[in-house]
Amino acid sequence: MAESIAPQHKIPQPVTPQSATAAHAPAAPPAKRQIVCFSFYKLMPEWRRLPATERAAHKAAFAAVLEAWNKPGEFLSLTYSTIGTRGDVDFCVWTIGYAVDELNRMRAELLATPLGGYLSTPHNFLAMTKRSQYQIGRPDESEGEGRGAIRPGGQKYIFIYPFWKTRPWYLLSMSERKRLMDEHIRIGLLFPRVKLNTTYSFGLDDQEFVVAFETNFPEDFLDLVQQLRETEISLYTLKDFPIFSCVRLTPAEMLDRLG
C-alpha cells in the first residue's frame, strides 16, 4: 500500500540564470538503435573444385564488398569461421548498422559476387538493440548499457544462438521477473571474461532474442551455461538453439579457410 504524505509548504527558491537554463534544457534525444544481423553461409562443394586462380578471384571480390561496406560508426561487419564447429554452415558475417535497407543492399552485393553464386544461407538472425529492463551490473554488457549500441570486443571466439522464452514468463509481474533475473545476472558476473551482447527480435524475425557471447576462453562459456541451466529462470526458456561456435578472423583469413 502506498504511504499517504501530508502536503507541505515549501519555501520558494530564487531562480538563478543557471537553474532556469537547466529547467528548460531539452531532454537528451533517445539513443539511435542499431540493426543487427548474423548471417550464416554454407559453401557448395563444387566451388572447392574450381582452379585455384578462380577461387582466389572469387575470394578477393567477396572481401572487397565487405571492406567497402565497413564505415566506422555507421556500418560494421565482423567475420567468423565455423569450419569444424558446425556441419551446416561454414562462416558467419555479423553486421551492425542503423537501417534495414543498408543491410539488405550489402547482403545483395555479397550474393552478387562470383562466390555468392556458390553460397546458401541456412540460418539468418535479424535483431535490434533495445534498452534492457534489468540492471546487468557490468559496464561492458551491451544489454545493460541502455545506450542502444552494440560494441564488439576483440575476443577470439563468439557463441551465438536465437532464444525464446515461454508465454508464462511474460505474464509474471515485473517484480517476479526481476527476482529471477537477479540470480541469472549474479551467475553471469562470476564469469567476467565472457561478454554478453543481447539483441531483440520481437516482430522482426522468428526468435525473440539473439544472444552473442564473446570470449577468449571457451571453457568459461561452457561453465557459465551449465550453471545457468540450474537456475529457476531456466524453467521459462522455451528454446535456445541452434548454437553456433565461431572463430573470429579477418575476411581474408576466413575466406582462406574455405579452401
C-alpha atoms as a PDB file:
ATOM      1  CA  MET A   1       0.000   0.000   0.000  1.00  0.00           C
ATOM      2  CA  ALA A   2       1.322   3.427  -0.886  1.00  0.00           C
ATOM      3  CA  GLU A   3       2.035   5.740   2.022  1.00  0.00           C
ATOM      4  CA  SER A   4      -0.026   8.927   2.305  1.00  0.00           C
ATOM      5  CA  ILE A   5       2.037  12.089   2.583  1.00  0.00           C
ATOM      6  CA  ALA A   6       0.661  15.250   4.139  1.00  0.00           C
ATOM      7  CA  PRO A   7       1.039  18.350   1.990  1.00  0.00           C
ATOM      8  CA  GLN A   8       3.965  20.519   2.985  1.00  0.00           C
ATOM      9  CA  HIS A   9       4.606  24.157   2.318  1.00  0.00           C
ATOM     10  CA  LYS A  10       7.868  24.740   0.502  1.00  0.00           C
ATOM     11  CA  ILE A  11       9.904  27.911   0.618  1.00  0.00           C
ATOM     12  CA  PRO A  12      10.272  29.305  -2.894  1.00  0.00           C
ATOM     13  CA  GLN A  13      13.857  29.332  -4.052  1.00  0.00           C
ATOM     14  CA  PRO A  14      15.300  32.131  -6.158  1.00  0.00           C
ATOM     15  CA  VAL A  15      15.747  31.202  -9.781  1.00  0.00           C
ATOM     16  CA  THR A  16      19.287  31.781 -10.979  1.00  0.00           C
ATOM     17  CA  PRO A  17      20.173  32.003 -14.662  1.00  0.00           C
ATOM     18  CA  GLN A  18      21.873  28.604 -14.393  1.00  0.00           C
ATOM     19  CA  SER A  19      18.872  26.898 -12.769  1.00  0.00           C
ATOM     20  CA  ALA A  20      16.482  28.490 -15.255  1.00  0.00           C
ATOM     21  CA  THR A  21      18.573  27.179 -18.107  1.00  0.00           C
ATOM     22  CA  ALA A  22      18.658  23.701 -16.586  1.00  0.00           C
ATOM     23  CA  ALA A  23      14.886  23.687 -16.037  1.00  0.00           C
ATOM     24  CA  HIS A  24      14.213  24.474 -19.682  1.00  0.00           C
ATOM     25  CA  ALA A  25      17.041  22.417 -21.177  1.00  0.00           C
ATOM     26  CA  PRO A  26      15.719  19.951 -23.754  1.00  0.00           C
ATOM     27  CA  ALA A  27      15.853  16.293 -22.817  1.00  0.00           C
ATOM     28  CA  ALA A  28      18.620  14.263 -24.408  1.00  0.00           C
ATOM     29  CA  PRO A  29      17.386  12.552 -27.566  1.00  0.00           C
ATOM     30  CA  PRO A  30      16.919   8.781 -27.308  1.00  0.00           C
ATOM     31  CA  ALA A  31      19.846   6.705 -28.481  1.00  0.00           C
ATOM     32  CA  LYS A  32      19.642   5.613 -32.093  1.00  0.00           C
ATOM     33  CA  ARG A  33      19.020   1.901 -32.142  1.00  0.00           C
ATOM     34  CA  GLN A  34      21.066  -0.460 -34.243  1.00  0.00           C
ATOM     35  CA  ILE A  35      20.029  -3.167 -36.677  1.00  0.00           C
ATOM     36  CA  VAL A  36      21.995  -6.354 -36.012  1.00  0.00           C
ATOM     37  CA  CYS A  37      22.200  -9.383 -38.299  1.00  0.00           C
ATOM     38  CA  PHE A  38      24.000 -12.710 -38.057  1.00  0.00           C
ATOM     39  CA  SER A  39      24.146 -14.426 -41.470  1.00  0.00           C
ATOM     40  CA  PHE A  40      25.482 -17.975 -41.672  1.00  0.00           C
ATOM     41  CA  TYR A  41      26.623 -19.242 -45.055  1.00  0.00           C
ATOM     42  CA  LYS A  42      27.215 -22.721 -46.439  1.00  0.00           C
ATOM     43  CA  LEU A  43      29.584 -23.202 -49.370  1.00  0.00           C
ATOM     44  CA  MET A  44      28.678 -25.618 -52.156  1.00  0.00           C
ATOM     45  CA  PRO A  45      31.361 -28.332 -52.578  1.00  0.00           C
ATOM     46  CA  GLU A  46      31.616 -27.582 -56.321  1.00  0.00           C
ATOM     47  CA  TRP A  47      33.446 -24.339 -55.506  1.00  0.00           C
ATOM     48  CA  ARG A  48      36.400 -26.171 -53.993  1.00  0.00           C
ATOM     49  CA  ARG A  49      36.937 -27.990 -57.308  1.00  0.00           C
ATOM     50  CA  LEU A  50      37.484 -24.750 -59.218  1.00  0.00           C
ATOM     51  CA  PRO A  51      41.020 -23.756 -60.262  1.00  0.00           C
ATOM     52  CA  ALA A  52      42.977 -22.009 -57.537  1.00  0.00           C
ATOM     53  CA  THR A  53      43.264 -18.782 -59.515  1.00  0.00           C
ATOM     54  CA  GLU A  54      39.498 -18.624 -59.993  1.00  0.00           C
ATOM     55  CA  ARG A  55      38.854 -19.270 -56.307  1.00  0.00           C
ATOM     56  CA  ALA A  56      41.328 -16.545 -55.380  1.00  0.00           C
ATOM     57  CA  ALA A  57      39.490 -14.050 -57.599  1.00  0.00           C
ATOM     58  CA  HIS A  58      36.161 -15.030 -56.023  1.00  0.00           C
ATOM     59  CA  LYS A  59      37.516 -14.501 -52.513  1.00  0.00           C
ATOM     60  CA  ALA A  60      39.000 -11.136 -53.444  1.00  0.00           C
ATOM     61  CA  ALA A  61      35.686  -9.891 -54.838  1.00  0.00           C
ATOM     62  CA  PHE A  62      33.787 -11.049 -51.747  1.00  0.00           C
ATOM     63  CA  ALA A  63      36.314  -9.407 -49.388  1.00  0.00           C
ATOM     64  CA  ALA A  64      36.142  -6.175 -51.412  1.00  0.00           C
ATOM     65  CA  VAL A  65      32.398  -5.880 -50.745  1.00  0.00           C
ATOM     66  CA  LEU A  66      32.932  -6.407 -47.021  1.00  0.00           C
ATOM     67  CA  GLU A  67      35.647  -3.747 -46.992  1.00  0.00           C
ATOM     68  CA  ALA A  68      33.598  -1.239 -49.000  1.00  0.00           C
ATOM     69  CA  TRP A  69      30.699  -1.507 -46.551  1.00  0.00           C
ATOM     70  CA  ASN A  70      32.769  -1.025 -43.397  1.00  0.00           C
ATOM     71  CA  LYS A  71      32.066   2.576 -42.375  1.00  0.00           C
ATOM     72  CA  PRO A  72      33.313   3.467 -38.857  1.00  0.00           C
ATOM     73  CA  GLY A  73      30.445   4.461 -36.595  1.00  0.00           C
ATOM     74  CA  GLU A  74      27.832   3.654 -39.231  1.00  0.00           C
ATOM     75  CA  PHE A  75      28.145   0.112 -40.539  1.00  0.00           C
ATOM     76  CA  LEU A  76      30.382  -2.681 -39.307  1.00  0.00           C
ATOM     77  CA  SER A  77      30.815  -6.312 -40.334  1.00  0.00           C
ATOM     78  CA  LEU A  78      32.801  -8.939 -38.435  1.00  0.00           C
ATOM     79  CA  THR A  79      33.668 -12.292 -40.000  1.00  0.00           C
ATOM     80  CA  TYR A  80      33.902 -15.700 -38.331  1.00  0.00           C
ATOM     81  CA  SER A  81      34.746 -19.235 -39.430  1.00  0.00           C
ATOM     82  CA  THR A  82      32.597 -22.186 -38.376  1.00  0.00           C
ATOM     83  CA  ILE A  83      34.656 -24.812 -40.196  1.00  0.00           C
ATOM     84  CA  GLY A  84      34.787 -27.814 -37.887  1.00  0.00           C
ATOM     85  CA  THR A  85      32.317 -26.388 -35.342  1.00  0.00           C
ATOM     86  CA  ARG A  86      29.114 -26.753 -37.380  1.00  0.00           C
ATOM     87  CA  GLY A  87      28.252 -29.122 -40.182  1.00  0.00           C
ATOM     88  CA  ASP A  88      25.515 -26.982 -41.751  1.00  0.00           C
ATOM     89  CA  VAL A  89      27.404 -23.672 -42.075  1.00  0.00           C
ATOM     90  CA  ASP A  90      30.956 -22.622 -42.976  1.00  0.00           C
ATOM     91  CA  PHE A  91      31.171 -18.971 -41.918  1.00  0.00           C
ATOM     92  CA  CYS A  92      29.292 -16.096 -40.335  1.00  0.00           C
ATOM     93  CA  VAL A  93      29.041 -12.400 -41.158  1.00  0.00           C
ATOM     94  CA  TRP A  94      27.920 -10.326 -38.146  1.00  0.00           C
ATOM     95  CA  THR A  95      26.711  -6.914 -39.280  1.00  0.00           C
ATOM     96  CA  ILE A  96      25.832  -3.915 -37.104  1.00  0.00           C
ATOM     97  CA  GLY A  97      24.233  -0.889 -38.751  1.00  0.00           C
ATOM     98  CA  TYR A  98      21.323   1.524 -38.471  1.00  0.00           C
ATOM     99  CA  ALA A  99      18.998   0.682 -41.377  1.00  0.00           C
ATOM    100  CA  VAL A 100      17.401  -2.496 -42.695  1.00  0.00           C
ATOM    101  CA  ASP A 101      17.739  -1.157 -46.237  1.00  0.00           C
ATOM    102  CA  GLU A 102      21.526  -0.849 -45.889  1.00  0.00           C
ATOM    103  CA  LEU A 103      21.713  -4.391 -44.569  1.00  0.00           C
ATOM    104  CA  ASN A 104      19.592  -5.593 -47.485  1.00  0.00           C
ATOM    105  CA  ARG A 105      21.759  -3.864 -50.092  1.00  0.00           C
ATOM    106  CA  MET A 106      25.010  -5.075 -48.524  1.00  0.00           C
ATOM    107  CA  ARG A 107      23.869  -8.708 -48.433  1.00  0.00           C
ATOM    108  CA  ALA A 108      22.632  -8.407 -52.021  1.00  0.00           C
ATOM    109  CA  GLU A 109      26.089  -7.214 -53.103  1.00  0.00           C
ATOM    110  CA  LEU A 110      27.747 -10.143 -51.333  1.00  0.00           C
ATOM    111  CA  LEU A 111      25.478 -12.645 -53.068  1.00  0.00           C
ATOM    112  CA  ALA A 112      26.056 -10.933 -56.428  1.00  0.00           C
ATOM    113  CA  THR A 113      29.772 -11.751 -56.298  1.00  0.00           C
ATOM    114  CA  PRO A 114      31.033 -14.912 -58.052  1.00  0.00           C
ATOM    115  CA  LEU A 115      31.465 -16.596 -54.661  1.00  0.00           C
ATOM    116  CA  GLY A 116      27.873 -15.687 -53.790  1.00  0.00           C
ATOM    117  CA  GLY A 117      26.693 -17.984 -56.541  1.00  0.00           C
ATOM    118  CA  TYR A 118      28.115 -20.922 -54.564  1.00  0.00           C
ATOM    119  CA  LEU A 119      26.583 -19.947 -51.212  1.00  0.00           C
ATOM    120  CA  SER A 120      23.375 -20.818 -49.394  1.00  0.00           C
ATOM    121  CA  THR A 121      22.154 -19.223 -46.152  1.00  0.00           C
ATOM    122  CA  PRO A 122      20.855 -21.958 -43.824  1.00  0.00           C
ATOM    123  CA  HIS A 123      20.484 -19.537 -40.898  1.00  0.00           C
ATOM    124  CA  ASN A 124      19.970 -15.793 -40.657  1.00  0.00           C
ATOM    125  CA  PHE A 125      19.003 -13.903 -37.497  1.00  0.00           C
ATOM    126  CA  LEU A 126      17.795 -10.290 -37.557  1.00  0.00           C
ATOM    127  CA  ALA A 127      17.522  -8.205 -34.385  1.00  0.00           C
ATOM    128  CA  MET A 128      17.694  -4.699 -32.954  1.00  0.00           C
ATOM    129  CA  THR A 129      19.269  -3.096 -29.906  1.00  0.00           C
ATOM    130  CA  LYS A 130      16.984  -2.002 -27.081  1.00  0.00           C
ATOM    131  CA  ARG A 131      17.326  -0.677 -23.548  1.00  0.00           C
ATOM    132  CA  SER A 132      17.229  -3.543 -21.063  1.00  0.00           C
ATOM    133  CA  GLN A 133      14.571  -3.716 -18.360  1.00  0.00           C
ATOM    134  CA  TYR A 134      17.165  -5.104 -15.956  1.00  0.00           C
ATOM    135  CA  GLN A 135      20.376  -3.781 -14.465  1.00  0.00           C
ATOM    136  CA  ILE A 136      23.205  -6.054 -15.572  1.00  0.00           C
ATOM    137  CA  GLY A 137      25.861  -4.576 -13.321  1.00  0.00           C
ATOM    138  CA  ARG A 138      28.846  -4.605 -15.688  1.00  0.00           C
ATOM    139  CA  PRO A 139      29.833  -1.679 -17.905  1.00  0.00           C
ATOM    140  CA  ASP A 140      30.838  -3.928 -20.812  1.00  0.00           C
ATOM    141  CA  GLU A 141      27.493  -5.709 -21.077  1.00  0.00           C
ATOM    142  CA  SER A 142      25.699  -4.446 -24.179  1.00  0.00           C
ATOM    143  CA  GLU A 143      22.314  -5.441 -22.733  1.00  0.00           C
ATOM    144  CA  GLY A 144      22.822  -3.233 -19.678  1.00  0.00           C
ATOM    145  CA  GLU A 145      24.330  -0.163 -21.274  1.00  0.00           C
ATOM    146  CA  GLY A 146      20.995   1.458 -22.016  1.00  0.00           C
ATOM    147  CA  ARG A 147      22.628   3.276 -24.931  1.00  0.00           C
ATOM    148  CA  GLY A 148      21.152   1.184 -27.716  1.00  0.00           C
ATOM    149  CA  ALA A 149      24.573   0.218 -29.029  1.00  0.00           C
ATOM    150  CA  ILE A 150      26.494  -2.993 -29.577  1.00  0.00           C
ATOM    151  CA  ARG A 151      30.238  -2.588 -29.185  1.00  0.00           C
ATOM    152  CA  PRO A 152      32.046  -5.804 -30.160  1.00  0.00           C
ATOM    153  CA  GLY A 153      35.218  -6.593 -28.283  1.00  0.00           C
ATOM    154  CA  GLY A 154      38.405  -8.116 -29.626  1.00  0.00           C
ATOM    155  CA  GLN A 155      37.738 -11.635 -28.361  1.00  0.00           C
ATOM    156  CA  LYS A 156      38.752 -14.644 -30.438  1.00  0.00           C
ATOM    157  CA  TYR A 157      35.510 -16.608 -30.086  1.00  0.00           C
ATOM    158  CA  ILE A 158      31.820 -15.866 -30.187  1.00  0.00           C
ATOM    159  CA  PHE A 159      28.905 -18.154 -29.331  1.00  0.00           C
ATOM    160  CA  ILE A 160      25.629 -17.156 -30.992  1.00  0.00           C
ATOM    161  CA  TYR A 161      22.122 -18.509 -30.682  1.00  0.00           C
ATOM    162  CA  PRO A 162      18.468 -17.463 -31.042  1.00  0.00           C
ATOM    163  CA  PHE A 163      16.387 -17.504 -27.889  1.00  0.00           C
ATOM    164  CA  TRP A 164      12.716 -17.793 -26.952  1.00  0.00           C
ATOM    165  CA  LYS A 165      11.010 -17.529 -23.572  1.00  0.00           C
ATOM    166  CA  THR A 166       7.739 -19.258 -22.681  1.00  0.00           C
ATOM    167  CA  ARG A 167       4.495 -17.276 -22.742  1.00  0.00           C
ATOM    168  CA  PRO A 168       4.010 -17.680 -18.944  1.00  0.00           C
ATOM    169  CA  TRP A 169       7.233 -15.643 -18.472  1.00  0.00           C
ATOM    170  CA  TYR A 170       5.547 -12.563 -19.918  1.00  0.00           C
ATOM    171  CA  LEU A 171       2.576 -12.983 -17.567  1.00  0.00           C
ATOM    172  CA  LEU A 172       4.751 -12.767 -14.458  1.00  0.00           C
ATOM    173  CA  SER A 173       4.843  -9.497 -12.563  1.00  0.00           C
ATOM    174  CA  MET A 174       7.806  -7.236 -13.163  1.00  0.00           C
ATOM    175  CA  SER A 175       8.970  -7.757  -9.592  1.00  0.00           C
ATOM    176  CA  GLU A 176       8.958 -11.551 -10.033  1.00  0.00           C
ATOM    177  CA  ARG A 177      10.836 -11.347 -13.315  1.00  0.00           C
ATOM    178  CA  LYS A 178      13.352  -9.043 -11.662  1.00  0.00           C
ATOM    179  CA  ARG A 179      13.840 -11.566  -8.838  1.00  0.00           C
ATOM    180  CA  LEU A 180      14.530 -14.367 -11.286  1.00  0.00           C
ATOM    181  CA  MET A 181      16.800 -12.204 -13.431  1.00  0.00           C
ATOM    182  CA  ASP A 182      18.834 -11.174 -10.390  1.00  0.00           C
ATOM    183  CA  GLU A 183      20.004 -14.773  -9.956  1.00  0.00           C
ATOM    184  CA  HIS A 184      20.741 -15.019 -13.678  1.00  0.00           C
ATOM    185  CA  ILE A 185      22.795 -11.820 -13.540  1.00  0.00           C
ATOM    186  CA  ARG A 186      24.611 -12.898 -10.379  1.00  0.00           C
ATOM    187  CA  ILE A 187      25.904 -16.033 -12.108  1.00  0.00           C
ATOM    188  CA  GLY A 188      26.898 -14.065 -15.189  1.00  0.00           C
ATOM    189  CA  LEU A 189      29.037 -11.785 -13.047  1.00  0.00           C
ATOM    190  CA  LEU A 190      31.034 -14.817 -11.900  1.00  0.00           C
ATOM    191  CA  PHE A 191      32.455 -15.045 -15.427  1.00  0.00           C
ATOM    192  CA  PRO A 192      33.924 -11.612 -16.212  1.00  0.00           C
ATOM    193  CA  ARG A 193      35.884 -12.984 -19.185  1.00  0.00           C
ATOM    194  CA  VAL A 194      32.626 -13.608 -21.069  1.00  0.00           C
ATOM    195  CA  LYS A 195      30.978 -10.563 -22.686  1.00  0.00           C
ATOM    196  CA  LEU A 196      27.267 -10.736 -23.443  1.00  0.00           C
ATOM    197  CA  ASN A 197      25.536  -8.984 -26.349  1.00  0.00           C
ATOM    198  CA  THR A 198      21.744  -9.243 -26.257  1.00  0.00           C
ATOM    199  CA  THR A 199      19.566  -8.020 -29.122  1.00  0.00           C
ATOM    200  CA  TYR A 200      15.802  -8.144 -29.613  1.00  0.00           C
ATOM    201  CA  SER A 201      13.826  -9.674 -32.489  1.00  0.00           C
ATOM    202  CA  PHE A 202      10.157  -9.289 -31.473  1.00  0.00           C
ATOM    203  CA  GLY A 203       8.210  -8.909 -34.719  1.00  0.00           C
ATOM    204  CA  LEU A 204      11.386  -8.686 -36.817  1.00  0.00           C
ATOM    205  CA  ASP A 205      12.255 -12.386 -37.028  1.00  0.00           C
ATOM    206  CA  ASP A 206      11.074 -15.759 -35.728  1.00  0.00           C
ATOM    207  CA  GLN A 207      13.043 -15.657 -32.463  1.00  0.00           C
ATOM    208  CA  GLU A 208      12.527 -13.217 -29.581  1.00  0.00           C
ATOM    209  CA  PHE A 209      16.197 -12.539 -28.817  1.00  0.00           C
ATOM    210  CA  VAL A 210      19.610 -13.214 -30.286  1.00  0.00           C
ATOM    211  CA  VAL A 211      22.447 -13.591 -27.793  1.00  0.00           C
ATOM    212  CA  ALA A 212      26.130 -13.480 -28.670  1.00  0.00           C
ATOM    213  CA  PHE A 213      28.800 -14.260 -26.065  1.00  0.00           C
ATOM    214  CA  GLU A 214      32.331 -13.057 -26.843  1.00  0.00           C
ATOM    215  CA  THR A 215      35.293 -14.587 -25.022  1.00  0.00           C
ATOM    216  CA  ASN A 216      38.868 -15.773 -25.363  1.00  0.00           C
ATOM    217  CA  PHE A 217      38.089 -18.669 -23.030  1.00  0.00           C
ATOM    218  CA  PRO A 218      35.524 -21.197 -24.339  1.00  0.00           C
ATOM    219  CA  GLU A 219      35.789 -23.136 -21.078  1.00  0.00           C
ATOM    220  CA  ASP A 220      34.358 -20.127 -19.224  1.00  0.00           C
ATOM    221  CA  PHE A 221      31.358 -20.037 -21.514  1.00  0.00           C
ATOM    222  CA  LEU A 222      30.740 -23.767 -21.094  1.00  0.00           C
ATOM    223  CA  ASP A 223      30.785 -23.446 -17.297  1.00  0.00           C
ATOM    224  CA  LEU A 224      28.557 -20.365 -17.427  1.00  0.00           C
ATOM    225  CA  VAL A 225      25.882 -22.086 -19.497  1.00  0.00           C
ATOM    226  CA  GLN A 226      25.975 -25.182 -17.278  1.00  0.00           C
ATOM    227  CA  GLN A 227      25.420 -23.079 -14.166  1.00  0.00           C
ATOM    228  CA  LEU A 228      22.588 -21.136 -15.816  1.00  0.00           C
ATOM    229  CA  ARG A 229      20.794 -24.417 -16.517  1.00  0.00           C
ATOM    230  CA  GLU A 230      20.462 -24.861 -12.740  1.00  0.00           C
ATOM    231  CA  THR A 231      18.690 -21.530 -12.165  1.00  0.00           C
ATOM    232  CA  GLU A 232      14.976 -21.124 -11.580  1.00  0.00           C
ATOM    233  CA  ILE A 233      14.640 -18.832 -14.581  1.00  0.00           C
ATOM    234  CA  SER A 234      15.686 -21.656 -16.919  1.00  0.00           C
ATOM    235  CA  LEU A 235      12.186 -23.091 -16.417  1.00  0.00           C
ATOM    236  CA  TYR A 236      10.952 -20.250 -18.617  1.00  0.00           C
ATOM    237  CA  THR A 237      13.272 -20.994 -21.555  1.00  0.00           C
ATOM    238  CA  LEU A 238      11.278 -22.309 -24.494  1.00  0.00           C
ATOM    239  CA  LYS A 239      14.160 -22.745 -26.962  1.00  0.00           C
ATOM    240  CA  ASP A 240      17.800 -21.665 -27.127  1.00  0.00           C
ATOM    241  CA  PHE A 241      19.282 -23.430 -30.164  1.00  0.00           C
ATOM    242  CA  PRO A 242      20.844 -23.860 -32.702  1.00  0.00           C
ATOM    243  CA  ILE A 243      24.110 -22.749 -31.132  1.00  0.00           C
ATOM    244  CA  PHE A 244      26.991 -21.556 -33.302  1.00  0.00           C
ATOM    245  CA  SER A 245      30.602 -21.659 -32.050  1.00  0.00           C
ATOM    246  CA  CYS A 246      32.576 -19.236 -34.200  1.00  0.00           C
ATOM    247  CA  VAL A 247      36.238 -18.256 -34.578  1.00  0.00           C
ATOM    248  CA  ARG A 248      36.861 -14.595 -35.304  1.00  0.00           C
ATOM    249  CA  LEU A 249      39.091 -13.972 -38.336  1.00  0.00           C
ATOM    250  CA  THR A 250      39.755 -11.216 -40.823  1.00  0.00           C
ATOM    251  CA  PRO A 251      37.751 -11.577 -44.052  1.00  0.00           C
ATOM    252  CA  ALA A 252      40.852 -12.806 -45.916  1.00  0.00           C
ATOM    253  CA  GLU A 253      41.661 -15.391 -43.244  1.00  0.00           C
ATOM    254  CA  MET A 254      38.065 -16.551 -43.029  1.00  0.00           C
ATOM    255  CA  LEU A 255      37.825 -16.950 -46.817  1.00  0.00           C
ATOM    256  CA  ASP A 256      41.162 -18.805 -46.992  1.00  0.00           C
ATOM    257  CA  ARG A 257      39.813 -21.406 -44.577  1.00  0.00           C
ATOM    258  CA  LEU A 258      37.058 -22.220 -47.052  1.00  0.00           C
ATOM    259  CA  GLY A 259      39.670 -23.821 -49.313  1.00  0.00           C
END
